[in-house]
Amino acid sequence: MSNTALAALCMLRGMASIRKEILIDARPEDVWAALRDWGAVHRRLVPGFVVDARLQGEDRIVTFVNGVVVREVLVDLDDDARRLVWSVADGPYTHHNASAQVFAEEAGRTRFVWIADLLPHDLAGRISQLMDHGTRVMKQTMEAQAGGASEPHPSSDRQPGAP
């Protein structure tokens, strides 16, 4: 689909834009280190929500807890802004772009912001639920690591739908 056609479709139907924001009781440096580790998302950031990740060049092949596998393309990794941007190159989308950013808060806490823009927009409800699940696992994992726990707490919840 051309950029012009995509823009026209977005104006007619509206592109889903989902934003999740959470506070994490962990240092922003530690949360950013886990987020930016592109090939280890399943071990360092969201174990149990993402059950496997492997690199193919700069792309990441991710397997989610519900069995869905997608190819994620790294768009930008900005250490200064602590911002990671990626796009899903396959799956149920005609368009997908996401970003995650880490912000320092008072008392060594972290504000984590995850935004996903996608088409078709009717996937928004399902994807929003998955993002809620992912942010819960991330918060639990990062706070467990900050508290000195030897293992993050993987999620055993199975969520329906595709990432």
N, C-alpha and C. Protein backbone atom coordinates (compact mmCIF):
# COMPACT_ATOMS: atom_id res chain seq x y z
N MET A 1 0.85 -1.17 0.00
CA MET A 1 0.00 0.00 0.00
C MET A 1 0.90 1.23 0.00
N SER A 2 0.59 2.20 -0.85
CA SER A 2 1.39 3.41 -0.92
C SER A 2 1.16 4.27 0.32
N ASN A 3 2.08 5.18 0.59
CA ASN A 3 1.92 6.09 1.73
C ASN A 3 0.68 6.95 1.60
N THR A 4 0.37 7.36 0.37
CA THR A 4 -0.82 8.17 0.13
C THR A 4 -2.09 7.37 0.44
N ALA A 5 -2.13 6.12 -0.02
CA ALA A 5 -3.29 5.27 0.26
C ALA A 5 -3.42 4.99 1.75
N LEU A 6 -2.29 4.75 2.42
CA LEU A 6 -2.32 4.50 3.86
C LEU A 6 -2.82 5.74 4.60
N ALA A 7 -2.36 6.90 4.22
CA ALA A 7 -2.81 8.14 4.87
C ALA A 7 -4.31 8.35 4.66
N ALA A 8 -4.79 8.07 3.46
CA ALA A 8 -6.23 8.21 3.18
C ALA A 8 -7.04 7.23 4.01
N LEU A 9 -6.58 6.00 4.12
CA LEU A 9 -7.27 5.00 4.93
C LEU A 9 -7.32 5.42 6.39
N CYS A 10 -6.22 5.92 6.91
CA CYS A 10 -6.18 6.37 8.30
C CYS A 10 -7.17 7.51 8.55
N MET A 11 -7.30 8.40 7.59
CA MET A 11 -8.23 9.52 7.74
C MET A 11 -9.67 9.01 7.73
N LEU A 12 -9.95 8.01 6.90
CA LEU A 12 -11.31 7.48 6.80
C LEU A 12 -11.69 6.62 8.00
N ARG A 13 -10.83 5.73 8.41
CA ARG A 13 -11.16 4.75 9.44
C ARG A 13 -10.52 5.07 10.78
N GLY A 14 -9.46 5.82 10.79
CA GLY A 14 -8.76 6.11 12.02
C GLY A 14 -7.80 4.99 12.37
N MET A 15 -6.57 5.35 12.61
CA MET A 15 -5.57 4.38 13.01
C MET A 15 -5.65 4.23 14.52
N ALA A 16 -5.60 3.00 14.99
CA ALA A 16 -5.58 2.76 16.43
C ALA A 16 -4.24 3.24 16.98
N SER A 17 -4.30 3.99 18.05
CA SER A 17 -3.11 4.43 18.75
C SER A 17 -3.32 4.08 20.22
N ILE A 18 -2.50 3.17 20.72
CA ILE A 18 -2.65 2.66 22.07
C ILE A 18 -1.45 3.13 22.89
N ARG A 19 -1.73 3.69 24.05
CA ARG A 19 -0.67 4.20 24.91
C ARG A 19 -0.81 3.56 26.29
N LYS A 20 0.29 3.01 26.79
CA LYS A 20 0.34 2.43 28.13
C LYS A 20 1.46 3.14 28.88
N GLU A 21 1.17 3.53 30.09
CA GLU A 21 2.16 4.22 30.91
C GLU A 21 2.10 3.65 32.31
N ILE A 22 3.26 3.25 32.83
CA ILE A 22 3.32 2.68 34.18
C ILE A 22 4.51 3.26 34.93
N LEU A 23 4.41 3.23 36.26
CA LEU A 23 5.54 3.55 37.13
C LEU A 23 6.14 2.24 37.62
N ILE A 24 7.46 2.18 37.59
CA ILE A 24 8.18 0.97 38.00
C ILE A 24 9.14 1.36 39.12
N ASP A 25 9.13 0.59 40.18
CA ASP A 25 10.06 0.82 41.29
C ASP A 25 11.40 0.16 40.98
N ALA A 26 12.08 0.74 40.00
CA ALA A 26 13.40 0.29 39.58
C ALA A 26 14.09 1.49 38.94
N ARG A 27 15.41 1.47 38.98
CA ARG A 27 16.17 2.59 38.40
C ARG A 27 15.98 2.65 36.89
N PRO A 28 15.83 3.85 36.34
CA PRO A 28 15.65 3.97 34.89
C PRO A 28 16.82 3.38 34.10
N GLU A 29 18.03 3.45 34.63
CA GLU A 29 19.18 2.87 33.95
C GLU A 29 19.01 1.36 33.78
N ASP A 30 18.45 0.72 34.81
CA ASP A 30 18.27 -0.73 34.75
C ASP A 30 17.13 -1.12 33.80
N VAL A 31 16.05 -0.35 33.83
CA VAL A 31 14.93 -0.63 32.93
C VAL A 31 15.38 -0.40 31.49
N TRP A 32 16.11 0.68 31.24
CA TRP A 32 16.59 0.94 29.89
C TRP A 32 17.55 -0.17 29.43
N ALA A 33 18.44 -0.62 30.29
CA ALA A 33 19.38 -1.68 29.91
C ALA A 33 18.63 -2.94 29.48
N ALA A 34 17.55 -3.27 30.17
CA ALA A 34 16.75 -4.44 29.80
C ALA A 34 15.99 -4.21 28.51
N LEU A 35 15.41 -3.02 28.34
CA LEU A 35 14.64 -2.71 27.13
C LEU A 35 15.53 -2.70 25.89
N ARG A 36 16.69 -2.08 26.00
CA ARG A 36 17.55 -1.92 24.83
C ARG A 36 18.24 -3.21 24.42
N ASP A 37 18.20 -4.23 25.26
CA ASP A 37 18.80 -5.52 24.94
C ASP A 37 17.87 -6.27 23.98
N TRP A 38 17.88 -5.86 22.74
CA TRP A 38 16.93 -6.23 21.69
C TRP A 38 16.74 -7.74 21.57
N GLY A 39 17.77 -8.51 21.74
CA GLY A 39 17.66 -9.95 21.56
C GLY A 39 17.30 -10.72 22.83
N ALA A 40 17.17 -10.04 23.96
CA ALA A 40 16.94 -10.74 25.23
C ALA A 40 15.65 -10.31 25.92
N VAL A 41 14.70 -9.81 25.17
CA VAL A 41 13.42 -9.35 25.73
C VAL A 41 12.74 -10.46 26.54
N HIS A 42 12.89 -11.69 26.10
CA HIS A 42 12.24 -12.83 26.76
C HIS A 42 12.93 -13.22 28.07
N ARG A 43 14.15 -12.79 28.27
CA ARG A 43 14.87 -13.09 29.51
C ARG A 43 14.92 -11.91 30.46
N ARG A 44 15.11 -10.71 29.94
CA ARG A 44 15.40 -9.57 30.80
C ARG A 44 14.20 -8.67 31.08
N LEU A 45 13.25 -8.59 30.17
CA LEU A 45 12.19 -7.59 30.30
C LEU A 45 10.82 -8.20 30.58
N VAL A 46 10.41 -9.16 29.78
CA VAL A 46 9.06 -9.73 29.92
C VAL A 46 9.06 -11.26 29.85
N PRO A 47 9.82 -11.92 30.72
CA PRO A 47 9.84 -13.38 30.69
C PRO A 47 8.45 -13.94 31.01
N GLY A 48 8.06 -14.92 30.25
CA GLY A 48 6.73 -15.50 30.44
C GLY A 48 5.69 -14.87 29.53
N PHE A 49 5.81 -13.60 29.23
CA PHE A 49 4.94 -12.95 28.24
C PHE A 49 5.52 -13.20 26.85
N VAL A 50 6.83 -12.99 26.70
CA VAL A 50 7.57 -13.40 25.51
C VAL A 50 8.36 -14.63 25.93
N VAL A 51 8.12 -15.74 25.25
CA VAL A 51 8.76 -17.00 25.66
C VAL A 51 10.02 -17.30 24.88
N ASP A 52 10.22 -16.62 23.74
CA ASP A 52 11.44 -16.82 22.97
C ASP A 52 11.66 -15.60 22.09
N ALA A 53 12.92 -15.28 21.86
CA ALA A 53 13.29 -14.23 20.93
C ALA A 53 14.63 -14.63 20.33
N ARG A 54 14.73 -14.48 19.02
CA ARG A 54 16.00 -14.77 18.36
C ARG A 54 16.21 -13.71 17.28
N LEU A 55 17.46 -13.40 17.06
CA LEU A 55 17.80 -12.39 16.07
C LEU A 55 18.05 -13.02 14.72
N GLN A 56 17.55 -12.34 13.68
CA GLN A 56 17.88 -12.64 12.29
C GLN A 56 18.33 -11.31 11.69
N GLY A 57 19.64 -11.13 11.63
CA GLY A 57 20.17 -9.82 11.28
C GLY A 57 19.78 -8.86 12.39
N GLU A 58 19.20 -7.71 12.01
CA GLU A 58 18.72 -6.76 13.03
C GLU A 58 17.28 -7.03 13.43
N ASP A 59 16.60 -7.92 12.71
CA ASP A 59 15.21 -8.26 13.05
C ASP A 59 15.18 -9.20 14.25
N ARG A 60 14.07 -9.14 14.96
CA ARG A 60 13.86 -10.01 16.12
C ARG A 60 12.63 -10.86 15.85
N ILE A 61 12.78 -12.18 15.97
CA ILE A 61 11.66 -13.09 15.83
C ILE A 61 11.20 -13.41 17.25
N VAL A 62 9.96 -13.02 17.56
CA VAL A 62 9.44 -13.09 18.91
C VAL A 62 8.31 -14.11 18.98
N THR A 63 8.37 -14.97 19.99
CA THR A 63 7.28 -15.90 20.27
C THR A 63 6.62 -15.49 21.57
N PHE A 64 5.32 -15.23 21.51
CA PHE A 64 4.57 -14.80 22.68
C PHE A 64 3.97 -16.00 23.40
N VAL A 65 3.53 -15.76 24.63
CA VAL A 65 2.98 -16.82 25.47
C VAL A 65 1.79 -17.53 24.82
N ASN A 66 1.06 -16.83 23.96
CA ASN A 66 -0.10 -17.43 23.30
C ASN A 66 0.27 -18.21 22.04
N GLY A 67 1.58 -18.33 21.76
CA GLY A 67 2.05 -19.09 20.60
C GLY A 67 2.25 -18.29 19.34
N VAL A 68 1.82 -17.05 19.32
CA VAL A 68 1.96 -16.20 18.13
C VAL A 68 3.44 -15.83 17.95
N VAL A 69 3.90 -15.91 16.71
CA VAL A 69 5.28 -15.57 16.36
C VAL A 69 5.23 -14.42 15.36
N VAL A 70 6.02 -13.37 15.61
CA VAL A 70 6.09 -12.23 14.69
C VAL A 70 7.54 -11.82 14.48
N ARG A 71 7.76 -11.17 13.34
CA ARG A 71 9.07 -10.56 13.04
C ARG A 71 8.97 -9.07 13.37
N GLU A 72 9.86 -8.64 14.25
CA GLU A 72 9.91 -7.22 14.62
C GLU A 72 11.17 -6.61 14.01
N VAL A 73 10.99 -5.47 13.36
CA VAL A 73 12.08 -4.76 12.71
C VAL A 73 12.49 -3.59 13.60
N LEU A 74 13.76 -3.54 13.93
CA LEU A 74 14.29 -2.43 14.73
C LEU A 74 14.33 -1.17 13.87
N VAL A 75 13.64 -0.12 14.30
CA VAL A 75 13.60 1.14 13.57
C VAL A 75 14.61 2.12 14.15
N ASP A 76 14.65 2.23 15.48
CA ASP A 76 15.57 3.17 16.13
C ASP A 76 15.83 2.74 17.55
N LEU A 77 17.07 2.91 17.99
CA LEU A 77 17.45 2.70 19.37
C LEU A 77 18.25 3.93 19.78
N ASP A 78 17.66 4.77 20.63
CA ASP A 78 18.24 6.05 21.00
C ASP A 78 18.62 6.02 22.48
N ASP A 79 19.92 5.84 22.75
CA ASP A 79 20.38 5.76 24.14
C ASP A 79 20.18 7.07 24.89
N ASP A 80 20.35 8.20 24.22
CA ASP A 80 20.20 9.49 24.90
C ASP A 80 18.76 9.71 25.36
N ALA A 81 17.80 9.38 24.51
CA ALA A 81 16.39 9.56 24.84
C ALA A 81 15.81 8.34 25.55
N ARG A 82 16.60 7.26 25.64
CA ARG A 82 16.12 5.98 26.19
C ARG A 82 14.82 5.57 25.50
N ARG A 83 14.88 5.53 24.18
CA ARG A 83 13.69 5.23 23.37
C ARG A 83 14.02 4.17 22.34
N LEU A 84 13.16 3.18 22.24
CA LEU A 84 13.29 2.10 21.29
C LEU A 84 12.06 2.12 20.39
N VAL A 85 12.27 2.00 19.08
CA VAL A 85 11.17 2.01 18.11
C VAL A 85 11.30 0.77 17.23
N TRP A 86 10.16 0.10 17.01
CA TRP A 86 10.14 -1.09 16.16
C TRP A 86 8.83 -1.17 15.40
N SER A 87 8.82 -2.05 14.42
CA SER A 87 7.63 -2.30 13.63
C SER A 87 7.47 -3.80 13.46
N VAL A 88 6.23 -4.27 13.49
CA VAL A 88 5.96 -5.68 13.21
C VAL A 88 5.79 -5.81 11.70
N ALA A 89 6.61 -6.68 11.11
CA ALA A 89 6.64 -6.80 9.66
C ALA A 89 5.67 -7.84 9.12
N ASP A 90 5.04 -8.59 9.99
CA ASP A 90 4.09 -9.60 9.55
C ASP A 90 2.98 -9.68 10.59
N GLY A 91 2.24 -10.73 10.57
CA GLY A 91 1.14 -10.84 11.53
C GLY A 91 -0.14 -10.26 10.96
N PRO A 92 -1.05 -9.88 11.82
CA PRO A 92 -2.38 -9.48 11.37
C PRO A 92 -2.47 -8.02 10.92
N TYR A 93 -1.35 -7.31 10.85
CA TYR A 93 -1.37 -5.87 10.62
C TYR A 93 -1.19 -5.49 9.16
N THR A 94 -1.84 -4.39 8.77
CA THR A 94 -1.47 -3.74 7.52
C THR A 94 -0.49 -2.61 7.81
N HIS A 95 -0.46 -2.17 9.09
CA HIS A 95 0.53 -1.19 9.55
C HIS A 95 0.74 -1.41 11.03
N HIS A 96 2.00 -1.34 11.48
CA HIS A 96 2.31 -1.42 12.91
C HIS A 96 3.60 -0.66 13.16
N ASN A 97 3.56 0.21 14.14
CA ASN A 97 4.75 0.92 14.60
C ASN A 97 4.59 1.09 16.11
N ALA A 98 5.66 0.82 16.84
CA ALA A 98 5.59 0.95 18.29
C ALA A 98 6.86 1.59 18.81
N SER A 99 6.71 2.22 19.97
CA SER A 99 7.87 2.78 20.66
C SER A 99 7.71 2.52 22.15
N ALA A 100 8.84 2.42 22.81
CA ALA A 100 8.87 2.31 24.26
C ALA A 100 9.95 3.27 24.75
N GLN A 101 9.63 3.99 25.80
CA GLN A 101 10.57 4.99 26.30
C GLN A 101 10.60 4.96 27.81
N VAL A 102 11.78 5.18 28.35
CA VAL A 102 12.05 5.14 29.79
C VAL A 102 12.36 6.55 30.27
N PHE A 103 11.67 6.98 31.33
CA PHE A 103 11.87 8.31 31.91
C PHE A 103 12.22 8.17 33.39
N ALA A 104 13.13 9.01 33.85
CA ALA A 104 13.47 9.03 35.28
C ALA A 104 12.39 9.77 36.06
N GLU A 105 12.03 9.21 37.19
CA GLU A 105 11.07 9.82 38.11
C GLU A 105 11.76 10.00 39.46
N GLU A 106 11.07 10.64 40.38
CA GLU A 106 11.64 10.86 41.71
C GLU A 106 11.93 9.54 42.41
N ALA A 107 12.84 9.60 43.35
CA ALA A 107 13.18 8.48 44.22
C ALA A 107 13.68 7.25 43.45
N GLY A 108 14.34 7.48 42.32
CA GLY A 108 14.92 6.38 41.56
C GLY A 108 13.92 5.51 40.83
N ARG A 109 12.70 5.99 40.67
CA ARG A 109 11.66 5.22 39.96
C ARG A 109 11.73 5.50 38.47
N THR A 110 10.98 4.72 37.73
CA THR A 110 10.95 4.82 36.27
C THR A 110 9.52 4.97 35.79
N ARG A 111 9.31 5.89 34.86
CA ARG A 111 8.05 5.95 34.13
C ARG A 111 8.32 5.31 32.78
N PHE A 112 7.52 4.30 32.45
CA PHE A 112 7.68 3.56 31.20
C PHE A 112 6.48 3.85 30.32
N VAL A 113 6.73 4.30 29.08
CA VAL A 113 5.66 4.63 28.14
C VAL A 113 5.82 3.76 26.90
N TRP A 114 4.73 3.05 26.56
CA TRP A 114 4.70 2.15 25.40
C TRP A 114 3.54 2.60 24.52
N ILE A 115 3.86 2.91 23.26
CA ILE A 115 2.85 3.37 22.30
C ILE A 115 2.87 2.46 21.09
N ALA A 116 1.69 2.05 20.65
CA ALA A 116 1.58 1.25 19.42
C ALA A 116 0.53 1.89 18.53
N ASP A 117 0.89 2.13 17.28
CA ASP A 117 -0.03 2.62 16.26
C ASP A 117 -0.21 1.49 15.26
N LEU A 118 -1.47 1.16 14.95
CA LEU A 118 -1.68 -0.01 14.11
C LEU A 118 -2.96 0.06 13.30
N LEU A 119 -2.93 -0.69 12.22
CA LEU A 119 -4.09 -0.96 11.38
C LEU A 119 -4.14 -2.46 11.14
N PRO A 120 -5.25 -3.07 11.02
CA PRO A 120 -6.57 -2.44 11.12
C PRO A 120 -6.89 -2.05 12.56
N HIS A 121 -7.63 -0.95 12.67
CA HIS A 121 -7.91 -0.39 13.99
C HIS A 121 -8.80 -1.30 14.83
N ASP A 122 -9.51 -2.23 14.22
CA ASP A 122 -10.37 -3.11 15.02
C ASP A 122 -9.58 -4.13 15.85
N LEU A 123 -8.26 -4.18 15.69
CA LEU A 123 -7.40 -5.01 16.55
C LEU A 123 -7.06 -4.32 17.86
N ALA A 124 -7.45 -3.06 18.00
CA ALA A 124 -7.02 -2.25 19.14
C ALA A 124 -7.39 -2.87 20.49
N GLY A 125 -8.60 -3.38 20.64
CA GLY A 125 -9.00 -3.95 21.93
C GLY A 125 -8.13 -5.12 22.34
N ARG A 126 -7.90 -6.02 21.42
CA ARG A 126 -7.09 -7.21 21.70
C ARG A 126 -5.64 -6.82 21.98
N ILE A 127 -5.10 -5.91 21.19
CA ILE A 127 -3.71 -5.50 21.37
C ILE A 127 -3.55 -4.72 22.67
N SER A 128 -4.51 -3.90 23.02
CA SER A 128 -4.47 -3.17 24.28
C SER A 128 -4.41 -4.13 25.46
N GLN A 129 -5.19 -5.21 25.42
CA GLN A 129 -5.15 -6.22 26.49
C GLN A 129 -3.77 -6.88 26.57
N LEU A 130 -3.20 -7.19 25.42
CA LEU A 130 -1.87 -7.79 25.41
C LEU A 130 -0.82 -6.82 25.96
N MET A 131 -0.93 -5.55 25.61
CA MET A 131 0.01 -4.56 26.13
C MET A 131 -0.16 -4.40 27.64
N ASP A 132 -1.39 -4.45 28.14
CA ASP A 132 -1.61 -4.43 29.59
C ASP A 132 -0.89 -5.60 30.25
N HIS A 133 -1.04 -6.78 29.67
CA HIS A 133 -0.39 -7.97 30.19
C HIS A 133 1.13 -7.80 30.18
N GLY A 134 1.67 -7.32 29.06
CA GLY A 134 3.11 -7.12 28.95
C GLY A 134 3.65 -6.12 29.95
N THR A 135 2.93 -5.02 30.17
CA THR A 135 3.42 -4.03 31.13
C THR A 135 3.36 -4.56 32.56
N ARG A 136 2.35 -5.38 32.88
CA ARG A 136 2.30 -6.00 34.22
C ARG A 136 3.51 -6.91 34.44
N VAL A 137 3.83 -7.73 33.44
CA VAL A 137 4.97 -8.63 33.55
C VAL A 137 6.26 -7.83 33.67
N MET A 138 6.39 -6.77 32.88
CA MET A 138 7.59 -5.93 32.92
C MET A 138 7.77 -5.30 34.30
N LYS A 139 6.70 -4.74 34.83
CA LYS A 139 6.76 -4.11 36.16
C LYS A 139 7.19 -5.14 37.21
N GLN A 140 6.57 -6.29 37.17
CA GLN A 140 6.88 -7.35 38.13
C GLN A 140 8.34 -7.80 37.99
N THR A 141 8.79 -7.98 36.77
CA THR A 141 10.15 -8.44 36.50
C THR A 141 11.18 -7.42 36.97
N MET A 142 11.00 -6.17 36.56
CA MET A 142 11.99 -5.14 36.88
C MET A 142 12.00 -4.85 38.39
N GLU A 143 10.84 -4.85 39.03
CA GLU A 143 10.81 -4.60 40.46
C GLU A 143 11.42 -5.77 41.24
N ALA A 144 11.23 -7.00 40.76
CA ALA A 144 11.85 -8.15 41.41
C ALA A 144 13.37 -8.07 41.29
N GLN A 145 13.85 -7.68 40.14
CA GLN A 145 15.30 -7.55 39.95
C GLN A 145 15.85 -6.41 40.81
N ALA A 146 15.12 -5.32 40.93
CA ALA A 146 15.56 -4.19 41.74
C ALA A 146 15.59 -4.56 43.22
N GLY A 147 14.68 -5.45 43.61
CA GLY A 147 14.60 -5.87 45.01
C GLY A 147 15.60 -6.96 45.35
N GLY A 148 16.40 -7.39 44.38
CA GLY A 148 17.42 -8.38 44.64
C GLY A 148 16.96 -9.81 44.47
N ALA A 149 15.77 -10.01 43.92
CA ALA A 149 15.31 -11.38 43.67
C ALA A 149 16.19 -12.02 42.62
N SER A 150 16.46 -13.30 42.76
CA SER A 150 17.35 -13.97 41.83
C SER A 150 16.69 -14.24 40.48
N GLU A 151 15.40 -14.41 40.47
CA GLU A 151 14.67 -14.70 39.24
C GLU A 151 13.49 -13.76 39.11
N PRO A 152 13.25 -13.20 37.92
CA PRO A 152 12.02 -12.44 37.71
C PRO A 152 10.83 -13.38 37.81
N HIS A 153 9.68 -12.82 38.04
CA HIS A 153 8.46 -13.60 38.17
C HIS A 153 7.77 -13.71 36.83
N PRO A 154 7.93 -14.84 36.12
CA PRO A 154 7.28 -14.96 34.81
C PRO A 154 5.77 -15.04 34.96
N SER A 155 5.10 -14.56 33.94
CA SER A 155 3.65 -14.60 33.92
C SER A 155 3.19 -15.93 33.35
N SER A 156 2.19 -16.48 33.97
CA SER A 156 1.62 -17.71 33.43
C SER A 156 0.27 -17.45 32.79
N ASP A 157 -0.17 -16.19 32.79
CA ASP A 157 -1.45 -15.87 32.16
C ASP A 157 -1.34 -16.10 30.66
N ARG A 158 -2.33 -16.72 30.10
CA ARG A 158 -2.40 -16.85 28.65
C ARG A 158 -3.44 -15.86 28.16
N GLN A 159 -3.06 -15.03 27.24
CA GLN A 159 -3.96 -14.03 26.69
C GLN A 159 -4.35 -14.43 25.28
N PRO A 160 -5.61 -14.32 24.94
CA PRO A 160 -6.03 -14.64 23.57
C PRO A 160 -5.57 -13.57 22.60
N GLY A 161 -5.47 -13.93 21.35
CA GLY A 161 -5.20 -12.94 20.31
C GLY A 161 -3.76 -12.88 19.91
N ALA A 162 -3.51 -12.02 18.94
CA ALA A 162 -2.17 -11.84 18.40
C ALA A 162 -1.56 -10.60 18.98
N PRO A 163 -0.22 -10.55 19.06
CA PRO A 163 0.44 -9.34 19.56
C PRO A 163 0.31 -8.18 18.60
